[in-house]
Amino acid sequence: MAIDISKLNSAANTQVRSKTQQGSQPQQGTSQVAAQSAATVKTDSVMLTPQAQQLQGAAAKMNALPDVDQKKIDQIKLAIAEGNYKIDPERLAANIVEFEKQMQDLNDY
């Protein structure tokens, strides 16, 4: 959501003009408005929820992990080369179905 801040400055100018039109000196009105503005200025702050902090920690840990488990790849290559690599079709099918469910859940958000 966008906030139009261009009107903030014009509101302060309107206050200065109305005070000067009432007969007060322009410099006094300006300094009063500046003093009032300085007293009411608030700073922005952000607080992360514990859940957001956990997500940041998890993301940092995942980014630190290597993209590929080279040890596992080497084991599979060796098993294939030796002819010992067995494929469990039921386990493979279950993993594919689980993966598809996870992808569908991501699309629902």
PDB file of N, CA and C in Angstrom:
ATOM      1  N   MET A   1       0.848  -1.156   0.000  1.00  0.00           N
ATOM      2  CA  MET A   1       0.000   0.000   0.000  1.00  0.00           C
ATOM      3  C   MET A   1       0.896   1.222   0.000  1.00  0.00           C
ATOM      4  N   ALA A   2       0.670   2.145  -0.921  1.00  0.00           N
ATOM      5  CA  ALA A   2       1.468   3.356  -1.023  1.00  0.00           C
ATOM      6  C   ALA A   2       0.885   4.446  -0.139  1.00  0.00           C
ATOM      7  N   ILE A   3       1.750   5.242   0.437  1.00  0.00           N
ATOM      8  CA  ILE A   3       1.341   6.361   1.282  1.00  0.00           C
ATOM      9  C   ILE A   3       1.797   7.638   0.597  1.00  0.00           C
ATOM     10  N   ASP A   4       0.879   8.563   0.399  1.00  0.00           N
ATOM     11  CA  ASP A   4       1.206   9.828  -0.242  1.00  0.00           C
ATOM     12  C   ASP A   4       1.783  10.768   0.803  1.00  0.00           C
ATOM     13  N   ILE A   5       3.098  10.982   0.749  1.00  0.00           N
ATOM     14  CA  ILE A   5       3.732  11.844   1.744  1.00  0.00           C
ATOM     15  C   ILE A   5       3.894  13.270   1.240  1.00  0.00           C
ATOM     16  N   SER A   6       3.487  13.542   0.024  1.00  0.00           N
ATOM     17  CA  SER A   6       3.636  14.886  -0.518  1.00  0.00           C
ATOM     18  C   SER A   6       2.755  15.885   0.225  1.00  0.00           C
ATOM     19  N   LYS A   7       1.663  15.422   0.812  1.00  0.00           N
ATOM     20  CA  LYS A   7       0.747  16.318   1.520  1.00  0.00           C
ATOM     21  C   LYS A   7       1.245  16.656   2.925  1.00  0.00           C
ATOM     22  N   LEU A   8       2.195  15.900   3.438  1.00  0.00           N
ATOM     23  CA  LEU A   8       2.719  16.190   4.770  1.00  0.00           C
ATOM     24  C   LEU A   8       3.392  17.543   4.814  1.00  0.00           C
ATOM     25  N   ASN A   9       4.193  17.841   3.821  1.00  0.00           N
ATOM     26  CA  ASN A   9       4.904  19.107   3.785  1.00  0.00           C
ATOM     27  C   ASN A   9       3.929  20.265   3.584  1.00  0.00           C
ATOM     28  N   SER A  10       2.918  20.084   2.753  1.00  0.00           N
ATOM     29  CA  SER A  10       1.951  21.155   2.517  1.00  0.00           C
ATOM     30  C   SER A  10       1.116  21.422   3.768  1.00  0.00           C
ATOM     31  N   ALA A  11       0.882  20.417   4.607  1.00  0.00           N
ATOM     32  CA  ALA A  11       0.150  20.632   5.851  1.00  0.00           C
ATOM     33  C   ALA A  11       0.961  21.491   6.802  1.00  0.00           C
ATOM     34  N   ALA A  12       2.251  21.289   6.869  1.00  0.00           N
ATOM     35  CA  ALA A  12       3.104  22.122   7.724  1.00  0.00           C
ATOM     36  C   ALA A  12       3.134  23.544   7.193  1.00  0.00           C
ATOM     37  N   ASN A  13       3.180  23.693   5.873  1.00  0.00           N
ATOM     38  CA  ASN A  13       3.165  25.036   5.278  1.00  0.00           C
ATOM     39  C   ASN A  13       1.845  25.732   5.564  1.00  0.00           C
ATOM     40  N   THR A  14       0.753  25.013   5.541  1.00  0.00           N
ATOM     41  CA  THR A  14      -0.555  25.597   5.831  1.00  0.00           C
ATOM     42  C   THR A  14      -0.588  26.119   7.261  1.00  0.00           C
ATOM     43  N   GLN A  15      -0.020  25.368   8.204  1.00  0.00           N
ATOM     44  CA  GLN A  15       0.022  25.824   9.591  1.00  0.00           C
ATOM     45  C   GLN A  15       0.847  27.097   9.710  1.00  0.00           C
ATOM     46  N   VAL A  16       1.955  27.170   9.012  1.00  0.00           N
ATOM     47  CA  VAL A  16       2.803  28.359   9.063  1.00  0.00           C
ATOM     48  C   VAL A  16       2.056  29.537   8.475  1.00  0.00           C
ATOM     49  N   ARG A  17       1.402  29.340   7.351  1.00  0.00           N
ATOM     50  CA  ARG A  17       0.659  30.432   6.720  1.00  0.00           C
ATOM     51  C   ARG A  17      -0.466  30.933   7.613  1.00  0.00           C
ATOM     52  N   SER A  18      -1.192  30.011   8.243  1.00  0.00           N
ATOM     53  CA  SER A  18      -2.302  30.445   9.084  1.00  0.00           C
ATOM     54  C   SER A  18      -1.798  31.226  10.291  1.00  0.00           C
ATOM     55  N   LYS A  19      -0.646  30.867  10.836  1.00  0.00           N
ATOM     56  CA  LYS A  19      -0.103  31.600  11.970  1.00  0.00           C
ATOM     57  C   LYS A  19       0.390  32.973  11.528  1.00  0.00           C
ATOM     58  N   THR A  20       0.991  33.063  10.339  1.00  0.00           N
ATOM     59  CA  THR A  20       1.478  34.353   9.876  1.00  0.00           C
ATOM     60  C   THR A  20       0.312  35.248   9.489  1.00  0.00           C
ATOM     61  N   GLN A  21      -0.754  34.688   9.018  1.00  0.00           N
ATOM     62  CA  GLN A  21      -1.917  35.488   8.665  1.00  0.00           C
ATOM     63  C   GLN A  21      -2.614  36.024   9.909  1.00  0.00           C
ATOM     64  N   GLN A  22      -2.431  35.360  11.054  1.00  0.00           N
ATOM     65  CA  GLN A  22      -3.051  35.812  12.297  1.00  0.00           C
ATOM     66  C   GLN A  22      -2.252  36.931  12.939  1.00  0.00           C
ATOM     67  N   GLY A  23      -1.142  37.331  12.361  1.00  0.00           N
ATOM     68  CA  GLY A  23      -0.405  38.468  12.879  1.00  0.00           C
ATOM     69  C   GLY A  23       0.864  38.104  13.607  1.00  0.00           C
ATOM     70  N   SER A  24       1.199  36.867  13.766  1.00  0.00           N
ATOM     71  CA  SER A  24       2.454  36.522  14.418  1.00  0.00           C
ATOM     72  C   SER A  24       3.579  36.678  13.412  1.00  0.00           C
ATOM     73  N   GLN A  25       4.785  36.813  13.896  1.00  0.00           N
ATOM     74  CA  GLN A  25       5.923  37.001  13.009  1.00  0.00           C
ATOM     75  C   GLN A  25       6.229  35.692  12.293  1.00  0.00           C
ATOM     76  N   PRO A  26       6.603  35.770  11.021  1.00  0.00           N
ATOM     77  CA  PRO A  26       6.831  34.550  10.248  1.00  0.00           C
ATOM     78  C   PRO A  26       7.915  33.645  10.844  1.00  0.00           C
ATOM     79  N   GLN A  27       9.003  34.191  11.358  1.00  0.00           N
ATOM     80  CA  GLN A  27      10.066  33.348  11.873  1.00  0.00           C
ATOM     81  C   GLN A  27       9.633  32.624  13.139  1.00  0.00           C
ATOM     82  N   GLN A  28       8.821  33.263  13.972  1.00  0.00           N
ATOM     83  CA  GLN A  28       8.344  32.600  15.174  1.00  0.00           C
ATOM     84  C   GLN A  28       7.425  31.436  14.793  1.00  0.00           C
ATOM     85  N   GLY A  29       6.532  31.650  13.846  1.00  0.00           N
ATOM     86  CA  GLY A  29       5.616  30.596  13.417  1.00  0.00           C
ATOM     87  C   GLY A  29       6.379  29.418  12.837  1.00  0.00           C
ATOM     88  N   THR A  30       7.381  29.717  12.039  1.00  0.00           N
ATOM     89  CA  THR A  30       8.179  28.653  11.431  1.00  0.00           C
ATOM     90  C   THR A  30       8.921  27.868  12.497  1.00  0.00           C
ATOM     91  N   SER A  31       9.501  28.551  13.464  1.00  0.00           N
ATOM     92  CA  SER A  31      10.261  27.841  14.496  1.00  0.00           C
ATOM     93  C   SER A  31       9.326  27.047  15.403  1.00  0.00           C
ATOM     94  N   GLN A  32       8.107  27.546  15.617  1.00  0.00           N
ATOM     95  CA  GLN A  32       7.149  26.801  16.437  1.00  0.00           C
ATOM     96  C   GLN A  32       6.734  25.514  15.722  1.00  0.00           C
ATOM     97  N   VAL A  33       6.464  25.623  14.433  1.00  0.00           N
ATOM     98  CA  VAL A  33       6.075  24.445  13.660  1.00  0.00           C
ATOM     99  C   VAL A  33       7.228  23.455  13.620  1.00  0.00           C
ATOM    100  N   ALA A  34       8.446  23.946  13.448  1.00  0.00           N
ATOM    101  CA  ALA A  34       9.610  23.066  13.414  1.00  0.00           C
ATOM    102  C   ALA A  34       9.793  22.371  14.757  1.00  0.00           C
ATOM    103  N   ALA A  35       9.586  23.108  15.834  1.00  0.00           N
ATOM    104  CA  ALA A  35       9.721  22.517  17.173  1.00  0.00           C
ATOM    105  C   ALA A  35       8.638  21.470  17.400  1.00  0.00           C
ATOM    106  N   GLN A  36       7.407  21.775  16.964  1.00  0.00           N
ATOM    107  CA  GLN A  36       6.322  20.808  17.109  1.00  0.00           C
ATOM    108  C   GLN A  36       6.589  19.567  16.259  1.00  0.00           C
ATOM    109  N   SER A  37       7.078  19.783  15.035  1.00  0.00           N
ATOM    110  CA  SER A  37       7.365  18.655  14.155  1.00  0.00           C
ATOM    111  C   SER A  37       8.468  17.781  14.734  1.00  0.00           C
ATOM    112  N   ALA A  38       9.495  18.415  15.300  1.00  0.00           N
ATOM    113  CA  ALA A  38      10.607  17.657  15.873  1.00  0.00           C
ATOM    114  C   ALA A  38      10.141  16.846  17.075  1.00  0.00           C
ATOM    115  N   ALA A  39       9.200  17.387  17.828  1.00  0.00           N
ATOM    116  CA  ALA A  39       8.718  16.691  19.017  1.00  0.00           C
ATOM    117  C   ALA A  39       7.824  15.508  18.649  1.00  0.00           C
ATOM    118  N   THR A  40       7.150  15.572  17.504  1.00  0.00           N
ATOM    119  CA  THR A  40       6.206  14.518  17.138  1.00  0.00           C
ATOM    120  C   THR A  40       6.759  13.522  16.119  1.00  0.00           C
ATOM    121  N   VAL A  41       8.009  13.700  15.689  1.00  0.00           N
ATOM    122  CA  VAL A  41       8.594  12.788  14.714  1.00  0.00           C
ATOM    123  C   VAL A  41       8.812  11.434  15.376  1.00  0.00           C
ATOM    124  N   LYS A  42       8.331  10.407  14.716  1.00  0.00           N
ATOM    125  CA  LYS A  42       8.496   9.047  15.214  1.00  0.00           C
ATOM    126  C   LYS A  42       9.371   8.280  14.244  1.00  0.00           C
ATOM    127  N   THR A  43      10.144   7.384  14.780  1.00  0.00           N
ATOM    128  CA  THR A  43      10.983   6.563  13.915  1.00  0.00           C
ATOM    129  C   THR A  43      10.292   5.231  13.668  1.00  0.00           C
ATOM    130  N   ASP A  44      10.597   4.644  12.532  1.00  0.00           N
ATOM    131  CA  ASP A  44      10.041   3.343  12.188  1.00  0.00           C
ATOM    132  C   ASP A  44      10.874   2.252  12.847  1.00  0.00           C
ATOM    133  N   SER A  45      10.221   1.188  13.200  1.00  0.00           N
ATOM    134  CA  SER A  45      10.945   0.035  13.730  1.00  0.00           C
ATOM    135  C   SER A  45      10.253  -1.234  13.260  1.00  0.00           C
ATOM    136  N   VAL A  46      11.037  -2.288  13.206  1.00  0.00           N
ATOM    137  CA  VAL A  46      10.521  -3.580  12.767  1.00  0.00           C
ATOM    138  C   VAL A  46      10.916  -4.621  13.797  1.00  0.00           C
ATOM    139  N   MET A  47       9.948  -5.439  14.185  1.00  0.00           N
ATOM    140  CA  MET A  47      10.239  -6.550  15.090  1.00  0.00           C
ATOM    141  C   MET A  47       9.832  -7.832  14.385  1.00  0.00           C
ATOM    142  N   LEU A  48      10.737  -8.780  14.352  1.00  0.00           N
ATOM    143  CA  LEU A  48      10.443 -10.064  13.728  1.00  0.00           C
ATOM    144  C   LEU A  48       9.845 -11.007  14.762  1.00  0.00           C
ATOM    145  N   THR A  49       8.845 -11.749  14.335  1.00  0.00           N
ATOM    146  CA  THR A  49       8.235 -12.731  15.215  1.00  0.00           C
ATOM    147  C   THR A  49       9.207 -13.886  15.417  1.00  0.00           C
ATOM    148  N   PRO A  50       9.013 -14.662  16.469  1.00  0.00           N
ATOM    149  CA  PRO A  50       9.888 -15.827  16.658  1.00  0.00           C
ATOM    150  C   PRO A  50       9.854 -16.779  15.462  1.00  0.00           C
ATOM    151  N   GLN A  51       8.694 -16.919  14.835  1.00  0.00           N
ATOM    152  CA  GLN A  51       8.593 -17.794  13.668  1.00  0.00           C
ATOM    153  C   GLN A  51       9.449 -17.256  12.512  1.00  0.00           C
ATOM    154  N   ALA A  52       9.422 -15.948  12.302  1.00  0.00           N
ATOM    155  CA  ALA A  52      10.227 -15.359  11.237  1.00  0.00           C
ATOM    156  C   ALA A  52      11.711 -15.530  11.534  1.00  0.00           C
ATOM    157  N   GLN A  53      12.083 -15.406  12.799  1.00  0.00           N
ATOM    158  CA  GLN A  53      13.477 -15.613  13.173  1.00  0.00           C
ATOM    159  C   GLN A  53      13.895 -17.066  12.925  1.00  0.00           C
ATOM    160  N   GLN A  54      12.995 -18.006  13.218  1.00  0.00           N
ATOM    161  CA  GLN A  54      13.291 -19.419  12.950  1.00  0.00           C
ATOM    162  C   GLN A  54      13.466 -19.655  11.453  1.00  0.00           C
ATOM    163  N   LEU A  55      12.593 -19.041  10.654  1.00  0.00           N
ATOM    164  CA  LEU A  55      12.697 -19.197   9.206  1.00  0.00           C
ATOM    165  C   LEU A  55      14.012 -18.630   8.686  1.00  0.00           C
ATOM    166  N   GLN A  56      14.427 -17.497   9.225  1.00  0.00           N
ATOM    167  CA  GLN A  56      15.702 -16.920   8.806  1.00  0.00           C
ATOM    168  C   GLN A  56      16.857 -17.850   9.159  1.00  0.00           C
ATOM    169  N   GLY A  57      16.793 -18.430  10.348  1.00  0.00           N
ATOM    170  CA  GLY A  57      17.838 -19.360  10.761  1.00  0.00           C
ATOM    171  C   GLY A  57      17.871 -20.596   9.879  1.00  0.00           C
ATOM    172  N   ALA A  58      16.699 -21.127   9.569  1.00  0.00           N
ATOM    173  CA  ALA A  58      16.623 -22.311   8.702  1.00  0.00           C
ATOM    174  C   ALA A  58      17.141 -21.987   7.304  1.00  0.00           C
ATOM    175  N   ALA A  59      16.796 -20.818   6.792  1.00  0.00           N
ATOM    176  CA  ALA A  59      17.254 -20.416   5.459  1.00  0.00           C
ATOM    177  C   ALA A  59      18.774 -20.270   5.446  1.00  0.00           C
ATOM    178  N   ALA A  60      19.329 -19.704   6.513  1.00  0.00           N
ATOM    179  CA  ALA A  60      20.782 -19.544   6.591  1.00  0.00           C
ATOM    180  C   ALA A  60      21.477 -20.912   6.622  1.00  0.00           C
ATOM    181  N   LYS A  61      20.907 -21.859   7.380  1.00  0.00           N
ATOM    182  CA  LYS A  61      21.496 -23.201   7.442  1.00  0.00           C
ATOM    183  C   LYS A  61      21.421 -23.894   6.085  1.00  0.00           C
ATOM    184  N   MET A  62      20.291 -23.742   5.400  1.00  0.00           N
ATOM    185  CA  MET A  62      20.140 -24.378   4.092  1.00  0.00           C
ATOM    186  C   MET A  62      21.093 -23.766   3.075  1.00  0.00           C
ATOM    187  N   ASN A  63      21.297 -22.457   3.157  1.00  0.00           N
ATOM    188  CA  ASN A  63      22.227 -21.806   2.226  1.00  0.00           C
ATOM    189  C   ASN A  63      23.661 -22.254   2.469  1.00  0.00           C
ATOM    190  N   ALA A  64      23.967 -22.677   3.697  1.00  0.00           N
ATOM    191  CA  ALA A  64      25.320 -23.127   4.020  1.00  0.00           C
ATOM    192  C   ALA A  64      25.576 -24.552   3.538  1.00  0.00           C
ATOM    193  N   LEU A  65      24.524 -25.317   3.288  1.00  0.00           N
ATOM    194  CA  LEU A  65      24.685 -26.696   2.832  1.00  0.00           C
ATOM    195  C   LEU A  65      25.114 -26.731   1.371  1.00  0.00           C
ATOM    196  N   PRO A  66      25.892 -27.745   1.001  1.00  0.00           N
ATOM    197  CA  PRO A  66      26.240 -27.869  -0.416  1.00  0.00           C
ATOM    198  C   PRO A  66      25.011 -28.268  -1.223  1.00  0.00           C
ATOM    199  N   ASP A  67      24.993 -27.877  -2.478  1.00  0.00           N
ATOM    200  CA  ASP A  67      23.857 -28.182  -3.345  1.00  0.00           C
ATOM    201  C   ASP A  67      23.768 -29.668  -3.667  1.00  0.00           C
ATOM    202  N   VAL A  68      24.913 -30.357  -3.626  1.00  0.00           N
ATOM    203  CA  VAL A  68      24.968 -31.759  -4.035  1.00  0.00           C
ATOM    204  C   VAL A  68      25.673 -32.551  -2.938  1.00  0.00           C
ATOM    205  N   ASP A  69      25.122 -33.721  -2.627  1.00  0.00           N
ATOM    206  CA  ASP A  69      25.764 -34.628  -1.679  1.00  0.00           C
ATOM    207  C   ASP A  69      26.705 -35.525  -2.485  1.00  0.00           C
ATOM    208  N   GLN A  70      27.926 -35.073  -2.637  1.00  0.00           N
ATOM    209  CA  GLN A  70      28.878 -35.762  -3.500  1.00  0.00           C
ATOM    210  C   GLN A  70      29.174 -37.179  -3.011  1.00  0.00           C
ATOM    211  N   LYS A  71      29.165 -37.388  -1.701  1.00  0.00           N
ATOM    212  CA  LYS A  71      29.437 -38.721  -1.166  1.00  0.00           C
ATOM    213  C   LYS A  71      28.364 -39.720  -1.638  1.00  0.00           C
ATOM    214  N   LYS A  72      27.111 -39.284  -1.595  1.00  0.00           N
ATOM    215  CA  LYS A  72      26.019 -40.157  -2.026  1.00  0.00           C
ATOM    216  C   LYS A  72      26.110 -40.435  -3.531  1.00  0.00           C
ATOM    217  N   ILE A  73      26.462 -39.429  -4.284  1.00  0.00           N
ATOM    218  CA  ILE A  73      26.601 -39.602  -5.736  1.00  0.00           C
ATOM    219  C   ILE A  73      27.692 -40.615  -6.051  1.00  0.00           C
ATOM    220  N   ASP A  74      28.808 -40.506  -5.339  1.00  0.00           N
ATOM    221  CA  ASP A  74      29.908 -41.450  -5.567  1.00  0.00           C
ATOM    222  C   ASP A  74      29.501 -42.876  -5.211  1.00  0.00           C
ATOM    223  N   GLN A  75      28.726 -43.024  -4.130  1.00  0.00           N
ATOM    224  CA  GLN A  75      28.255 -44.363  -3.737  1.00  0.00           C
ATOM    225  C   GLN A  75      27.342 -44.960  -4.811  1.00  0.00           C
ATOM    226  N   ILE A  76      26.454 -44.150  -5.336  1.00  0.00           N
ATOM    227  CA  ILE A  76      25.523 -44.633  -6.367  1.00  0.00           C
ATOM    228  C   ILE A  76      26.276 -44.982  -7.646  1.00  0.00           C
ATOM    229  N   LYS A  77      27.236 -44.133  -8.035  1.00  0.00           N
ATOM    230  CA  LYS A  77      28.030 -44.424  -9.236  1.00  0.00           C
ATOM    231  C   LYS A  77      28.781 -45.749  -9.095  1.00  0.00           C
ATOM    232  N   LEU A  78      29.360 -45.962  -7.912  1.00  0.00           N
ATOM    233  CA  LEU A  78      30.097 -47.195  -7.672  1.00  0.00           C
ATOM    234  C   LEU A  78      29.173 -48.409  -7.732  1.00  0.00           C
ATOM    235  N   ALA A  79      27.980 -48.283  -7.113  1.00  0.00           N
ATOM    236  CA  ALA A  79      27.022 -49.394  -7.124  1.00  0.00           C
ATOM    237  C   ALA A  79      26.561 -49.702  -8.541  1.00  0.00           C
ATOM    238  N   ILE A  80      26.361 -48.671  -9.353  1.00  0.00           N
ATOM    239  CA  ILE A  80      25.949 -48.892 -10.751  1.00  0.00           C
ATOM    240  C   ILE A  80      27.081 -49.567 -11.517  1.00  0.00           C
ATOM    241  N   ALA A  81      28.296 -49.085 -11.321  1.00  0.00           N
ATOM    242  CA  ALA A  81      29.448 -49.645 -12.029  1.00  0.00           C
ATOM    243  C   ALA A  81      29.664 -51.112 -11.662  1.00  0.00           C
ATOM    244  N   GLU A  82      29.397 -51.454 -10.410  1.00  0.00           N
ATOM    245  CA  GLU A  82      29.582 -52.838  -9.966  1.00  0.00           C
ATOM    246  C   GLU A  82      28.370 -53.717 -10.252  1.00  0.00           C
ATOM    247  N   GLY A  83      27.274 -53.085 -10.680  1.00  0.00           N
ATOM    248  CA  GLY A  83      26.057 -53.838 -10.967  1.00  0.00           C
ATOM    249  C   GLY A  83      25.254 -54.176  -9.717  1.00  0.00           C
ATOM    250  N   ASN A  84      25.501 -53.487  -8.631  1.00  0.00           N
ATOM    251  CA  ASN A  84      24.809 -53.747  -7.363  1.00  0.00           C
ATOM    252  C   ASN A  84      23.646 -52.794  -7.085  1.00  0.00           C
ATOM    253  N   TYR A  85      23.433 -51.833  -7.964  1.00  0.00           N
ATOM    254  CA  TYR A  85      22.400 -50.826  -7.692  1.00  0.00           C
ATOM    255  C   TYR A  85      21.027 -51.400  -7.978  1.00  0.00           C
ATOM    256  N   LYS A  86      20.191 -51.434  -6.958  1.00  0.00           N
ATOM    257  CA  LYS A  86      18.826 -51.973  -7.092  1.00  0.00           C
ATOM    258  C   LYS A  86      17.828 -50.808  -6.999  1.00  0.00           C
ATOM    259  N   ILE A  87      16.836 -50.842  -7.857  1.00  0.00           N
ATOM    260  CA  ILE A  87      15.777 -49.834  -7.844  1.00  0.00           C
ATOM    261  C   ILE A  87      14.527 -50.462  -7.244  1.00  0.00           C
ATOM    262  N   ASP A  88      13.976 -49.809  -6.236  1.00  0.00           N
ATOM    263  CA  ASP A  88      12.727 -50.249  -5.603  1.00  0.00           C
ATOM    264  C   ASP A  88      11.598 -49.445  -6.252  1.00  0.00           C
ATOM    265  N   PRO A  89      10.860 -50.064  -7.197  1.00  0.00           N
ATOM    266  CA  PRO A  89       9.833 -49.319  -7.936  1.00  0.00           C
ATOM    267  C   PRO A  89       8.741 -48.741  -7.034  1.00  0.00           C
ATOM    268  N   GLU A  90       8.355 -49.457  -5.983  1.00  0.00           N
ATOM    269  CA  GLU A  90       7.310 -48.951  -5.087  1.00  0.00           C
ATOM    270  C   GLU A  90       7.793 -47.715  -4.315  1.00  0.00           C
ATOM    271  N   ARG A  91       9.021 -47.777  -3.861  1.00  0.00           N
ATOM    272  CA  ARG A  91       9.575 -46.627  -3.134  1.00  0.00           C
ATOM    273  C   ARG A  91       9.719 -45.431  -4.074  1.00  0.00           C
ATOM    274  N   LEU A  92      10.170 -45.687  -5.290  1.00  0.00           N
ATOM    275  CA  LEU A  92      10.315 -44.628  -6.273  1.00  0.00           C
ATOM    276  C   LEU A  92       8.966 -43.975  -6.571  1.00  0.00           C
ATOM    277  N   ALA A  93       7.940 -44.786  -6.779  1.00  0.00           N
ATOM    278  CA  ALA A  93       6.600 -44.257  -7.045  1.00  0.00           C
ATOM    279  C   ALA A  93       6.080 -43.442  -5.870  1.00  0.00           C
ATOM    280  N   ALA A  94       6.304 -43.928  -4.647  1.00  0.00           N
ATOM    281  CA  ALA A  94       5.850 -43.198  -3.457  1.00  0.00           C
ATOM    282  C   ALA A  94       6.560 -41.849  -3.342  1.00  0.00           C
ATOM    283  N   ASN A  95       7.845 -41.824  -3.655  1.00  0.00           N
ATOM    284  CA  ASN A  95       8.595 -40.558  -3.609  1.00  0.00           C
ATOM    285  C   ASN A  95       8.104 -39.575  -4.663  1.00  0.00           C
ATOM    286  N   ILE A  96       7.780 -40.078  -5.842  1.00  0.00           N
ATOM    287  CA  ILE A  96       7.256 -39.203  -6.902  1.00  0.00           C
ATOM    288  C   ILE A  96       5.912 -38.622  -6.492  1.00  0.00           C
ATOM    289  N   VAL A  97       5.044 -39.445  -5.924  1.00  0.00           N
ATOM    290  CA  VAL A  97       3.735 -38.967  -5.474  1.00  0.00           C
ATOM    291  C   VAL A  97       3.900 -37.915  -4.378  1.00  0.00           C
ATOM    292  N   GLU A  98       4.783 -38.158  -3.428  1.00  0.00           N
ATOM    293  CA  GLU A  98       5.019 -37.193  -2.347  1.00  0.00           C
ATOM    294  C   GLU A  98       5.553 -35.871  -2.894  1.00  0.00           C
ATOM    295  N   PHE A  99       6.448 -35.962  -3.842  1.00  0.00           N
ATOM    296  CA  PHE A  99       6.988 -34.758  -4.470  1.00  0.00           C
ATOM    297  C   PHE A  99       5.886 -33.965  -5.175  1.00  0.00           C
ATOM    298  N   GLU A 100       5.043 -34.652  -5.896  1.00  0.00           N
ATOM    299  CA  GLU A 100       3.935 -33.981  -6.589  1.00  0.00           C
ATOM    300  C   GLU A 100       2.978 -33.311  -5.606  1.00  0.00           C
ATOM    301  N   LYS A 101       2.722 -33.948  -4.467  1.00  0.00           N
ATOM    302  CA  LYS A 101       1.862 -33.344  -3.442  1.00  0.00           C
ATOM    303  C   LYS A 101       2.485 -32.068  -2.894  1.00  0.00           C
ATOM    304  N   GLN A 102       3.776 -32.120  -2.636  1.00  0.00           N
ATOM    305  CA  GLN A 102       4.463 -30.935  -2.120  1.00  0.00           C
ATOM    306  C   GLN A 102       4.426 -29.804  -3.136  1.00  0.00           C
ATOM    307  N   MET A 103       4.598 -30.128  -4.402  1.00  0.00           N
ATOM    308  CA  MET A 103       4.543 -29.099  -5.444  1.00  0.00           C
ATOM    309  C   MET A 103       3.138 -28.509  -5.543  1.00  0.00           C
ATOM    310  N   GLN A 104       2.116 -29.333  -5.400  1.00  0.00           N
ATOM    311  CA  GLN A 104       0.742 -28.854  -5.449  1.00  0.00           C
ATOM    312  C   GLN A 104       0.466 -27.932  -4.263  1.00  0.00           C
ATOM    313  N   ASP A 105       0.970 -28.306  -3.079  1.00  0.00           N
ATOM    314  CA  ASP A 105       0.792 -27.466  -1.893  1.00  0.00           C
ATOM    315  C   ASP A 105       1.433 -26.102  -2.087  1.00  0.00           C
ATOM    316  N   LEU A 106       2.582 -26.053  -2.745  1.00  0.00           N
ATOM    317  CA  LEU A 106       3.242 -24.774  -3.006  1.00  0.00           C
ATOM    318  C   LEU A 106       2.416 -23.916  -3.957  1.00  0.00           C
ATOM    319  N   ASN A 107       1.777 -24.555  -4.938  1.00  0.00           N
ATOM    320  CA  ASN A 107       0.964 -23.814  -5.897  1.00  0.00           C
ATOM    321  C   ASN A 107      -0.320 -23.274  -5.268  1.00  0.00           C
ATOM    322  N   ASP A 108      -0.773 -23.883  -4.171  1.00  0.00           N
ATOM    323  CA  ASP A 108      -2.005 -23.450  -3.531  1.00  0.00           C
ATOM    324  C   ASP A 108      -1.833 -22.136  -2.763  1.00  0.00           C
ATOM    325  N   TYR A 109      -0.599 -21.770  -2.452  1.00  0.00           N
ATOM    326  CA  TYR A 109      -0.362 -20.516  -1.723  1.00  0.00           C
ATOM    327  C   TYR A 109      -0.460 -19.408  -2.674  1.00  0.00           C
TER     328      TYR A 109
END
